Amino acid sequence: MAADEEIAVDVVVIGLGPGGEHVASRLATAGLDVVGVEERLVGGECPYYGCVPSKMMVAAAHTLAEARRVPDFAGAAQVQPDWSPVAQRIRDEATDDWDDAVAVKRLEDAGARFVRGRGQLAGPGRVEVGGTTYVAAKGVVLNTGTAPAAPPIEGLADTPYWTNRDAVRLTELPGSVIVLGGGAIGCEFAQVFARFGVRVTVVEVADRLLAAEEPEASAALEKAFAAEGIQVLAGVEVGSVRHADGSFTLDLGDQEVSADKLLVAAGRRTNLVDLGLEAAGLDPDATSLETDERMRAGDRLWAIGDITGRGAFTHVSMYQAAVVVRDILGEDGPWADYRAVPRVTFTAPEVAAVGMTEHQARESGLDPATATGDLGTRGWLARDEGLIKLVANPAEDVLVGASVVGSTGGEVMSMLATAIHARVPLPTLRSMHFAYPTSHRAVESALAGFGGSGV
């Protein structure tokens, strides 16, 4: 193509993570002329560095833990951890050795054109990639996602620290690791490493793990970590990081902690820098993009995924992608609704939640009622400690939030997500049958904490 060439198309999608790939494929299948632009790997963070490989690691670690429980339940077992099958599965089954050829072919087979490069907005409906400008008659969809962020700690930038992108590519495990960050990513990796015999210390600036979740959930996870020998240092400030003689040392003021490796899992930054937002009439320094119920962010401009600030989850990006497809194709809604966005941290126990926490409900102006319960008989039978916390709006007699901690937390949470999304009245929930002795039966016990008629 000649420099500065202009090409007329219907839609340009910048960023081909799960949501962007879905938009490009669906619109192309519907007959539109679509160009998908990606500077990294088609498929995004999820299949190569996030959800898929990390959950392979989690599944392997859980299998080890279950095998170690055999003497308590069914006889004897010897467990010898080996990381090599995990590394091989990630390389062969999840990431194709971090090669997106299959994903590119899938996109092109759907009828979309693929361009490898960095796309920049150049005005309404205009995207520059290299020396070519694509002029989109219908518009542009942004799905540029996030990247690992590193806090501004003295000395950190000069060290060979890991992020999640390094951790999923490991072929051998270190003897010890410090995990900087006690959010979902940090906690999942911490437990995986510990179950494979690595000495793990989690350092968290907030006063507890999973600080965005309910305090009761944090306490349950911290108890589980302690039982597995994972050291948790919460409510600390990291003054500096240094790396010498093959070891990392963090200065925490009143103490220092050292380990062979350092995994930084202290948040992510949105990929909006130098995207040309000003050309679309948006703030070039924005850290997220405000969208309406149809995911519109500006003139002939839509945004989906992490950059919308609605949760850095693949399922949110895919949900938003479906909204954009309907809008561009002129179909009816439903349009975006975030009352019941679910989230799961895949530790053991799982920490699952949907809707608002008690704190968030109060911050939103509600005067919430809460009720809690444990896993009851199911927990006793399987020695599965856990809890359920429900947050209700008494004025409307409906749930607005729920948390479930337990080995099946994510699955139990699904019924509560349905209740919140559909605004099922509490009396209706209390009138249901709950199978005995399942984990979800604990929901019935928790509901009883609200009383018999109304909250």
Protein backbone atom coordinates (compact mmCIF):
# COMPACT_ATOMS: atom_id res chain seq x y z
CA MET A 1 0.00 0.00 0.00
CA ALA A 2 1.18 3.52 -0.72
CA ALA A 3 1.99 5.87 2.14
CA ASP A 4 -0.92 7.94 3.40
CA GLU A 5 -3.40 5.85 1.45
CA GLU A 6 -7.08 6.13 2.44
CA ILE A 7 -9.31 3.07 2.39
CA ALA A 8 -13.08 3.21 2.83
CA VAL A 9 -14.60 0.53 5.10
CA ASP A 10 -17.69 0.14 7.26
CA VAL A 11 -16.15 -0.49 10.69
CA VAL A 12 -12.69 -0.47 12.24
CA VAL A 13 -12.08 -2.36 15.48
CA ILE A 14 -8.93 -1.29 17.37
CA GLY A 15 -7.89 -4.02 19.78
CA LEU A 16 -8.81 -7.65 19.24
CA GLY A 17 -9.17 -9.03 22.71
CA PRO A 18 -12.18 -11.32 23.22
CA GLY A 19 -14.73 -8.51 22.89
CA GLY A 20 -13.06 -6.82 19.92
CA GLU A 21 -12.61 -10.09 18.09
CA HIS A 22 -16.28 -10.90 18.66
CA VAL A 23 -17.42 -7.52 17.30
CA ALA A 24 -15.21 -7.81 14.20
CA SER A 25 -16.27 -11.38 13.46
CA ARG A 26 -20.00 -10.83 14.03
CA LEU A 27 -20.16 -7.66 11.95
CA ALA A 28 -18.14 -9.25 9.14
CA THR A 29 -20.40 -12.30 9.18
CA ALA A 30 -23.36 -9.91 8.90
CA GLY A 31 -21.88 -8.58 5.66
CA LEU A 32 -20.10 -5.42 6.77
CA ASP A 33 -16.63 -4.47 5.55
CA VAL A 34 -14.62 -4.73 8.78
CA VAL A 35 -10.96 -4.10 9.56
CA GLY A 36 -9.54 -5.45 12.81
CA VAL A 37 -6.36 -3.84 14.13
CA GLU A 38 -4.11 -5.42 16.76
CA GLU A 39 -0.50 -4.65 17.66
CA ARG A 40 -0.06 -7.65 19.94
CA LEU A 41 -1.85 -11.02 19.84
CA VAL A 42 -5.34 -11.54 18.45
CA GLY A 43 -7.40 -12.81 21.37
CA GLY A 44 -5.87 -10.39 23.85
CA GLU A 45 -4.64 -10.93 27.37
CA CYS A 46 -7.17 -13.59 28.36
CA PRO A 47 -6.08 -16.63 26.28
CA TYR A 48 -2.35 -15.90 26.32
CA TYR A 49 -1.49 -14.30 29.66
CA GLY A 50 -4.65 -14.15 31.76
CA CYS A 51 -7.76 -16.23 32.33
CA VAL A 52 -6.91 -19.38 30.38
CA PRO A 53 -3.27 -20.12 31.30
CA SER A 54 -3.70 -18.92 34.87
CA LYS A 55 -6.71 -21.19 35.39
CA MET A 56 -4.71 -24.11 34.02
CA MET A 57 -2.22 -23.31 36.77
CA VAL A 58 -5.03 -23.06 39.34
CA ALA A 59 -6.53 -26.39 38.24
CA ALA A 60 -3.18 -28.11 38.61
CA ALA A 61 -2.61 -26.62 42.05
CA HIS A 62 -6.10 -27.62 43.20
CA THR A 63 -5.43 -31.18 42.03
CA LEU A 64 -2.32 -31.31 44.20
CA ALA A 65 -4.26 -30.01 47.17
CA GLU A 66 -7.03 -32.58 46.72
CA ALA A 67 -4.49 -35.40 46.52
CA ARG A 68 -3.00 -34.22 49.79
CA ARG A 69 -6.43 -34.63 51.43
CA VAL A 70 -6.62 -38.35 50.66
CA PRO A 71 -5.18 -39.38 54.06
CA ASP A 72 -7.98 -37.48 55.80
CA PHE A 73 -10.74 -39.12 53.79
CA ALA A 74 -9.81 -42.26 51.95
CA GLY A 75 -6.45 -43.88 52.68
CA ALA A 76 -2.96 -42.86 51.68
CA ALA A 77 -1.34 -40.95 48.83
CA GLN A 78 2.07 -39.62 47.93
CA VAL A 79 2.20 -36.29 46.13
CA GLN A 80 5.23 -35.08 44.20
CA PRO A 81 4.70 -31.67 42.54
CA ASP A 82 6.05 -31.27 39.01
CA TRP A 83 5.64 -28.01 37.13
CA SER A 84 6.60 -29.37 33.72
CA PRO A 85 3.13 -30.75 32.79
CA VAL A 86 1.60 -27.39 33.66
CA ALA A 87 4.09 -25.45 31.55
CA GLN A 88 3.61 -27.85 28.66
CA ARG A 89 -0.18 -27.62 28.76
CA ILE A 90 -0.06 -23.82 28.77
CA ARG A 91 2.34 -23.79 25.84
CA ASP A 92 0.57 -26.42 23.74
CA GLU A 93 -3.13 -26.26 24.65
CA ALA A 94 -3.75 -22.68 25.75
CA THR A 95 -1.40 -20.41 23.82
CA ASP A 96 -0.02 -22.31 20.79
CA ASP A 97 3.36 -21.17 22.10
CA TRP A 98 2.02 -17.59 22.14
CA ASP A 99 1.22 -17.68 18.45
CA ASP A 100 -2.08 -16.17 17.27
CA ALA A 101 -2.12 -17.68 13.76
CA VAL A 102 -5.24 -19.71 14.57
CA ALA A 103 -7.03 -16.64 15.93
CA VAL A 104 -6.08 -14.54 12.90
CA LYS A 105 -7.38 -17.25 10.57
CA ARG A 106 -10.62 -17.47 12.57
CA LEU A 107 -11.09 -13.71 12.16
CA GLU A 108 -10.34 -13.76 8.44
CA ASP A 109 -12.55 -16.80 7.87
CA ALA A 110 -15.40 -14.73 9.33
CA GLY A 111 -14.78 -12.20 6.56
CA ALA A 112 -12.87 -9.47 8.42
CA ARG A 113 -9.58 -7.99 7.27
CA PHE A 114 -6.71 -8.09 9.75
CA VAL A 115 -4.03 -5.44 10.16
CA ARG A 116 -1.11 -5.92 12.51
CA GLY A 117 -0.09 -2.59 13.99
CA ARG A 118 -0.99 0.24 16.32
CA GLY A 119 -4.20 2.01 15.44
CA GLN A 120 -4.73 5.69 16.25
CA LEU A 121 -7.83 7.81 15.97
CA ALA A 122 -7.51 10.57 13.37
CA GLY A 123 -11.01 12.03 13.57
CA PRO A 124 -14.59 10.74 13.61
CA GLY A 125 -14.59 7.38 11.83
CA ARG A 126 -10.91 7.67 10.88
CA VAL A 127 -8.11 5.35 12.03
CA GLU A 128 -4.44 5.52 11.07
CA VAL A 129 -2.29 2.39 11.05
CA GLY A 130 1.21 3.02 9.79
CA GLY A 131 0.84 5.03 6.62
CA THR A 132 -2.73 3.98 5.91
CA THR A 133 -5.92 5.73 6.99
CA TYR A 134 -9.11 3.68 7.21
CA VAL A 135 -12.27 5.71 6.86
CA ALA A 136 -15.15 3.90 8.54
CA ALA A 137 -18.62 4.84 7.34
CA LYS A 138 -20.35 3.42 10.39
CA GLY A 139 -17.62 4.02 12.93
CA VAL A 140 -14.84 2.75 15.16
CA VAL A 141 -14.91 0.32 18.09
CA LEU A 142 -12.19 0.62 20.75
CA ASN A 143 -11.14 -2.45 22.73
CA THR A 144 -7.54 -1.65 23.63
CA GLY A 145 -7.60 -3.33 27.04
CA THR A 146 -5.08 -3.03 29.83
CA ALA A 147 -1.46 -3.86 30.60
CA PRO A 148 0.27 -4.71 33.88
CA ALA A 149 0.99 -1.64 35.97
CA ALA A 150 3.92 -1.14 38.33
CA PRO A 151 3.63 1.17 41.34
CA PRO A 152 6.14 4.05 41.60
CA ILE A 153 8.33 2.38 44.21
CA GLU A 154 11.95 3.43 44.51
CA GLY A 155 14.22 0.98 42.69
CA LEU A 156 11.46 -1.24 41.29
CA ALA A 157 11.83 -0.19 37.66
CA ASP A 158 15.52 -1.15 37.70
CA THR A 159 14.84 -4.74 38.74
CA PRO A 160 13.92 -7.82 36.64
CA TYR A 161 10.53 -8.26 38.31
CA TRP A 162 7.78 -10.45 36.87
CA THR A 163 4.24 -9.57 35.85
CA ASN A 164 1.47 -12.05 35.01
CA ARG A 165 2.88 -12.24 31.48
CA ASP A 166 6.13 -13.67 32.82
CA ALA A 167 4.49 -15.94 35.38
CA VAL A 168 2.42 -17.90 32.86
CA ARG A 169 5.51 -18.58 30.74
CA LEU A 170 7.52 -20.19 33.52
CA THR A 171 9.11 -23.55 32.80
CA GLU A 172 10.67 -23.82 36.26
CA LEU A 173 9.58 -22.47 39.63
CA PRO A 174 11.80 -20.54 42.04
CA GLY A 175 12.42 -21.52 45.63
CA SER A 176 10.72 -18.40 46.93
CA VAL A 177 8.68 -15.49 45.60
CA ILE A 178 7.25 -12.23 46.87
CA VAL A 179 3.89 -11.34 45.37
CA LEU A 180 3.40 -7.57 45.45
CA GLY A 181 -0.37 -7.10 45.40
CA GLY A 182 -3.14 -8.97 47.18
CA GLY A 183 -5.87 -8.60 44.58
CA ALA A 184 -7.35 -11.40 42.52
CA ILE A 185 -4.34 -11.91 40.26
CA GLY A 186 -1.82 -11.82 43.08
CA CYS A 187 -3.82 -14.18 45.29
CA GLU A 188 -4.35 -16.75 42.56
CA PHE A 189 -0.67 -16.88 41.64
CA ALA A 190 0.40 -16.89 45.30
CA GLN A 191 -1.63 -19.99 46.10
CA VAL A 192 -0.59 -21.79 42.93
CA PHE A 193 3.10 -21.28 43.69
CA ALA A 194 2.68 -22.27 47.33
CA ARG A 195 0.94 -25.53 46.44
CA PHE A 196 3.87 -26.39 44.17
CA GLY A 197 6.28 -25.96 47.06
CA VAL A 198 7.39 -22.35 46.59
CA ARG A 199 7.82 -20.22 49.74
CA VAL A 200 5.41 -17.31 49.18
CA THR A 201 5.01 -13.91 50.81
CA VAL A 202 2.16 -11.64 49.76
CA VAL A 203 2.71 -7.91 50.33
CA GLU A 204 -0.40 -5.72 50.17
CA VAL A 205 -0.67 -1.98 50.81
CA ALA A 206 -4.37 -2.23 51.75
CA ASP A 207 -5.26 -3.60 55.16
CA ARG A 208 -6.45 -6.96 53.79
CA LEU A 209 -6.42 -9.27 50.80
CA LEU A 210 -9.06 -8.69 48.11
CA ALA A 211 -9.72 -5.24 49.57
CA ALA A 212 -12.52 -4.56 47.08
CA GLU A 213 -14.53 -7.51 48.39
CA GLU A 214 -16.41 -8.02 51.65
CA PRO A 215 -14.19 -8.05 54.80
CA GLU A 216 -15.62 -11.45 55.71
CA ALA A 217 -14.40 -12.85 52.39
CA SER A 218 -10.93 -11.41 52.94
CA ALA A 219 -10.75 -12.94 56.41
CA ALA A 220 -11.72 -16.38 55.09
CA LEU A 221 -9.06 -16.28 52.38
CA GLU A 222 -6.39 -15.04 54.77
CA LYS A 223 -7.22 -17.95 57.08
CA ALA A 224 -6.83 -20.38 54.18
CA PHE A 225 -3.52 -18.82 53.16
CA ALA A 226 -2.18 -19.09 56.71
CA ALA A 227 -3.12 -22.79 56.79
CA GLU A 228 -1.08 -23.32 53.61
CA GLY A 229 1.96 -21.48 54.93
CA ILE A 230 1.54 -18.36 52.78
CA GLN A 231 2.79 -15.29 54.63
CA VAL A 232 0.53 -12.27 54.23
CA LEU A 233 1.84 -8.81 55.08
CA ALA A 234 -1.09 -6.41 54.69
CA GLY A 235 -1.37 -2.74 55.55
CA VAL A 236 2.30 -2.11 54.80
CA GLU A 237 4.10 0.53 52.75
CA VAL A 238 6.90 -0.49 50.42
CA GLY A 239 9.69 2.04 50.70
CA SER A 240 12.02 0.56 48.11
CA VAL A 241 12.93 -2.53 46.12
CA ARG A 242 16.42 -3.74 45.39
CA HIS A 243 17.82 -6.67 43.47
CA ALA A 244 21.27 -8.07 44.14
CA ASP A 245 22.99 -11.45 44.00
CA GLY A 246 19.92 -13.09 42.53
CA SER A 247 17.56 -11.95 45.28
CA PHE A 248 14.85 -9.30 45.67
CA THR A 249 14.50 -7.34 48.91
CA LEU A 250 11.55 -5.10 49.81
CA ASP A 251 11.98 -2.44 52.48
CA LEU A 252 8.73 -2.27 54.46
CA GLY A 253 9.94 0.24 57.02
CA ASP A 254 10.02 -1.83 60.19
CA GLN A 255 11.15 -4.97 58.35
CA GLU A 256 12.58 -6.30 55.13
CA VAL A 257 11.43 -9.33 53.13
CA SER A 258 13.52 -11.16 50.57
CA ALA A 259 12.91 -13.84 47.95
CA ASP A 260 14.38 -15.28 44.77
CA LYS A 261 11.74 -13.64 42.57
CA LEU A 262 9.26 -10.76 42.70
CA LEU A 263 5.86 -10.92 41.01
CA VAL A 264 4.22 -7.50 40.68
CA ALA A 265 0.43 -7.85 40.62
CA ALA A 266 -0.46 -4.38 41.83
CA GLY A 267 -3.04 -3.35 39.29
CA ARG A 268 -3.33 -2.65 35.59
CA ARG A 269 -3.34 0.46 33.40
CA THR A 270 -5.68 1.07 30.49
CA ASN A 271 -4.12 1.25 27.02
CA LEU A 272 -5.41 4.70 26.12
CA VAL A 273 -2.14 6.63 25.92
CA ASP A 274 -1.34 7.98 22.43
CA LEU A 275 -4.55 6.52 21.05
CA GLY A 276 -5.55 9.89 19.58
CA LEU A 277 -8.53 10.43 21.85
CA GLU A 278 -8.30 14.18 21.28
CA ALA A 279 -9.09 13.60 17.60
CA ALA A 280 -12.42 12.13 18.72
CA GLY A 281 -13.14 15.05 21.06
CA LEU A 282 -12.18 13.08 24.18
CA ASP A 283 -9.72 13.77 26.98
CA PRO A 284 -6.30 12.44 25.87
CA ASP A 285 -5.37 11.89 29.53
CA ALA A 286 -8.45 9.80 30.33
CA THR A 287 -7.87 6.56 32.21
CA SER A 288 -11.25 5.17 31.18
CA LEU A 289 -13.96 6.07 28.67
CA GLU A 290 -17.50 6.95 29.63
CA THR A 291 -20.09 5.20 27.53
CA ASP A 292 -23.87 5.24 27.30
CA GLU A 293 -26.14 2.20 27.44
CA ARG A 294 -25.28 1.38 23.81
CA MET A 295 -21.53 1.59 24.53
CA ARG A 296 -21.22 4.81 22.54
CA ALA A 297 -18.25 6.94 23.62
CA GLY A 298 -18.46 9.66 20.96
CA ASP A 299 -19.35 10.46 17.35
CA ARG A 300 -19.36 7.10 15.53
CA LEU A 301 -17.24 5.73 18.35
CA TRP A 302 -17.91 2.79 20.66
CA ALA A 303 -15.78 1.45 23.52
CA ILE A 304 -15.85 -1.94 25.21
CA GLY A 305 -13.84 -3.95 27.70
CA ASP A 306 -11.43 -2.85 30.39
CA ILE A 307 -11.20 0.73 29.09
CA THR A 308 -14.85 1.39 30.04
CA GLY A 309 -14.14 0.96 33.76
CA ARG A 310 -16.95 -1.56 34.23
CA GLY A 311 -14.70 -4.38 35.36
CA ALA A 312 -11.63 -5.98 33.80
CA PHE A 313 -13.39 -9.25 33.03
CA THR A 314 -13.67 -11.17 29.78
CA HIS A 315 -17.38 -11.72 30.38
CA VAL A 316 -17.96 -7.97 30.66
CA SER A 317 -16.12 -7.33 27.40
CA MET A 318 -18.15 -10.02 25.61
CA TYR A 319 -21.39 -8.67 27.06
CA GLN A 320 -20.54 -5.18 25.86
CA ALA A 321 -19.47 -6.52 22.47
CA ALA A 322 -22.93 -8.00 21.96
CA VAL A 323 -24.46 -4.60 22.78
CA VAL A 324 -22.26 -2.87 20.19
CA VAL A 325 -23.08 -5.42 17.51
CA ARG A 326 -26.80 -4.88 18.07
CA ASP A 327 -26.40 -1.11 17.94
CA ILE A 328 -24.32 -1.06 14.75
CA LEU A 329 -26.67 -3.50 13.01
CA GLY A 330 -29.70 -1.45 14.03
CA GLU A 331 -31.18 -4.20 16.18
CA ASP A 332 -33.22 -3.76 19.34
CA GLY A 333 -31.60 -4.05 22.79
CA PRO A 334 -31.26 -5.10 25.52
CA TRP A 335 -28.71 -2.42 26.26
CA ALA A 336 -26.00 -2.35 28.90
CA ASP A 337 -27.06 -3.01 32.49
CA TYR A 338 -24.47 -3.50 35.24
CA ARG A 339 -26.64 -4.28 38.28
CA ALA A 340 -25.51 -7.88 38.47
CA VAL A 341 -21.93 -8.08 37.20
CA PRO A 342 -20.37 -11.27 38.64
CA ARG A 343 -16.72 -11.78 39.57
CA VAL A 344 -14.75 -14.74 40.88
CA THR A 345 -11.27 -15.06 42.35
CA PHE A 346 -10.25 -18.67 41.70
CA THR A 347 -8.39 -19.33 44.90
CA ALA A 348 -9.27 -22.10 47.35
CA PRO A 349 -11.74 -21.21 48.65
CA GLU A 350 -13.16 -19.38 45.65
CA VAL A 351 -14.27 -15.84 46.41
CA ALA A 352 -17.28 -15.01 44.25
CA ALA A 353 -19.39 -11.89 44.30
CA VAL A 354 -22.08 -10.13 42.32
CA GLY A 355 -23.53 -6.65 42.49
CA MET A 356 -22.60 -4.35 45.37
CA THR A 357 -20.76 -5.02 48.59
CA GLU A 358 -22.29 -3.68 51.81
CA HIS A 359 -19.87 -0.73 51.68
CA GLN A 360 -20.72 0.05 48.06
CA ALA A 361 -24.43 -0.10 48.83
CA ARG A 362 -24.02 2.45 51.61
CA GLU A 363 -21.84 4.64 49.37
CA SER A 364 -24.60 4.59 46.74
CA GLY A 365 -27.08 6.04 49.23
CA LEU A 366 -28.88 2.87 50.25
CA ASP A 367 -29.48 1.78 53.82
CA PRO A 368 -28.77 -1.90 53.23
CA ALA A 369 -29.68 -4.90 55.32
CA THR A 370 -27.26 -7.82 55.44
CA ALA A 371 -27.47 -11.49 56.32
CA THR A 372 -24.78 -14.15 56.50
CA GLY A 373 -24.50 -17.92 56.76
CA ASP A 374 -21.94 -20.70 56.43
CA LEU A 375 -21.95 -23.69 54.08
CA GLY A 376 -23.79 -25.83 56.61
CA THR A 377 -24.04 -29.56 56.02
CA ARG A 378 -22.24 -29.48 52.68
CA GLY A 379 -19.26 -27.80 54.30
CA TRP A 380 -19.23 -30.35 57.11
CA LEU A 381 -19.43 -33.33 54.76
CA ALA A 382 -16.60 -32.08 52.54
CA ARG A 383 -14.70 -30.08 55.15
CA ASP A 384 -15.28 -27.09 52.95
CA GLU A 385 -15.25 -23.96 55.06
CA GLY A 386 -17.03 -21.00 53.56
CA LEU A 387 -19.69 -18.37 53.91
CA ILE A 388 -22.43 -16.49 52.16
CA LYS A 389 -23.20 -12.80 52.67
CA LEU A 390 -26.28 -11.17 51.19
CA VAL A 391 -26.87 -7.44 50.80
CA ALA A 392 -30.48 -6.29 50.38
CA ASN A 393 -32.28 -3.04 49.72
CA PRO A 394 -35.08 -3.05 52.34
CA ALA A 395 -37.00 -0.33 50.51
CA GLU A 396 -37.60 -2.66 47.54
CA ASP A 397 -37.20 -6.06 49.27
CA VAL A 398 -34.62 -7.27 46.75
CA LEU A 399 -30.98 -8.28 46.81
CA VAL A 400 -28.43 -5.79 45.48
CA GLY A 401 -25.28 -7.79 46.24
CA ALA A 402 -24.00 -11.16 47.36
CA SER A 403 -20.70 -12.87 48.15
CA VAL A 404 -20.01 -16.59 48.33
CA VAL A 405 -16.78 -18.08 49.69
CA GLY A 406 -16.25 -21.79 49.16
CA SER A 407 -14.97 -24.41 46.74
CA THR A 408 -18.05 -23.90 44.54
CA GLY A 409 -18.41 -20.20 45.24
CA GLY A 410 -18.62 -19.18 41.60
CA GLU A 411 -21.35 -21.70 40.86
CA VAL A 412 -23.47 -20.86 43.92
CA MET A 413 -23.11 -17.18 43.10
CA SER A 414 -24.81 -17.72 39.74
CA MET A 415 -28.27 -18.15 41.30
CA LEU A 416 -27.74 -14.96 43.28
CA ALA A 417 -26.70 -13.13 40.12
CA THR A 418 -29.99 -14.20 38.56
CA ALA A 419 -31.89 -12.95 41.61
CA ILE A 420 -30.20 -9.54 41.47
CA HIS A 421 -30.47 -9.13 37.72
CA ALA A 422 -34.14 -10.10 37.65
CA ARG A 423 -34.94 -8.27 40.90
CA VAL A 424 -36.51 -11.38 42.40
CA PRO A 425 -38.37 -10.42 45.62
CA LEU A 426 -36.92 -11.82 48.82
CA PRO A 427 -40.18 -13.63 49.73
CA THR A 428 -39.97 -15.45 46.39
CA LEU A 429 -36.40 -16.53 47.08
CA ARG A 430 -37.37 -17.74 50.55
CA SER A 431 -40.20 -19.83 49.08
CA MET A 432 -37.84 -21.85 46.84
CA HIS A 433 -36.69 -25.43 47.32
CA PHE A 434 -32.95 -25.79 48.02
CA ALA A 435 -31.57 -29.30 47.46
CA TYR A 436 -30.01 -31.04 50.43
CA PRO A 437 -27.06 -31.35 51.01
CA THR A 438 -25.72 -28.96 48.35
CA SER A 439 -23.59 -25.86 48.83
CA HIS A 440 -26.30 -23.62 47.41
CA ARG A 441 -28.63 -24.76 50.20
CA ALA A 442 -26.64 -22.37 52.39
CA VAL A 443 -28.39 -19.54 50.53
CA GLU A 444 -31.62 -20.61 52.24
CA SER A 445 -30.02 -20.28 55.67
CA ALA A 446 -28.61 -16.87 54.83
CA LEU A 447 -31.98 -15.66 53.55
CA ALA A 448 -33.52 -16.63 56.87
CA GLY A 449 -31.38 -13.91 58.44
CA PHE A 450 -33.64 -11.31 56.85
CA GLY A 451 -36.72 -12.56 58.69
CA GLY A 452 -39.97 -13.99 57.39
CA SER A 453 -41.87 -11.13 55.77
CA GLY A 454 -39.87 -8.42 54.14
CA VAL A 455 -36.35 -7.42 55.14
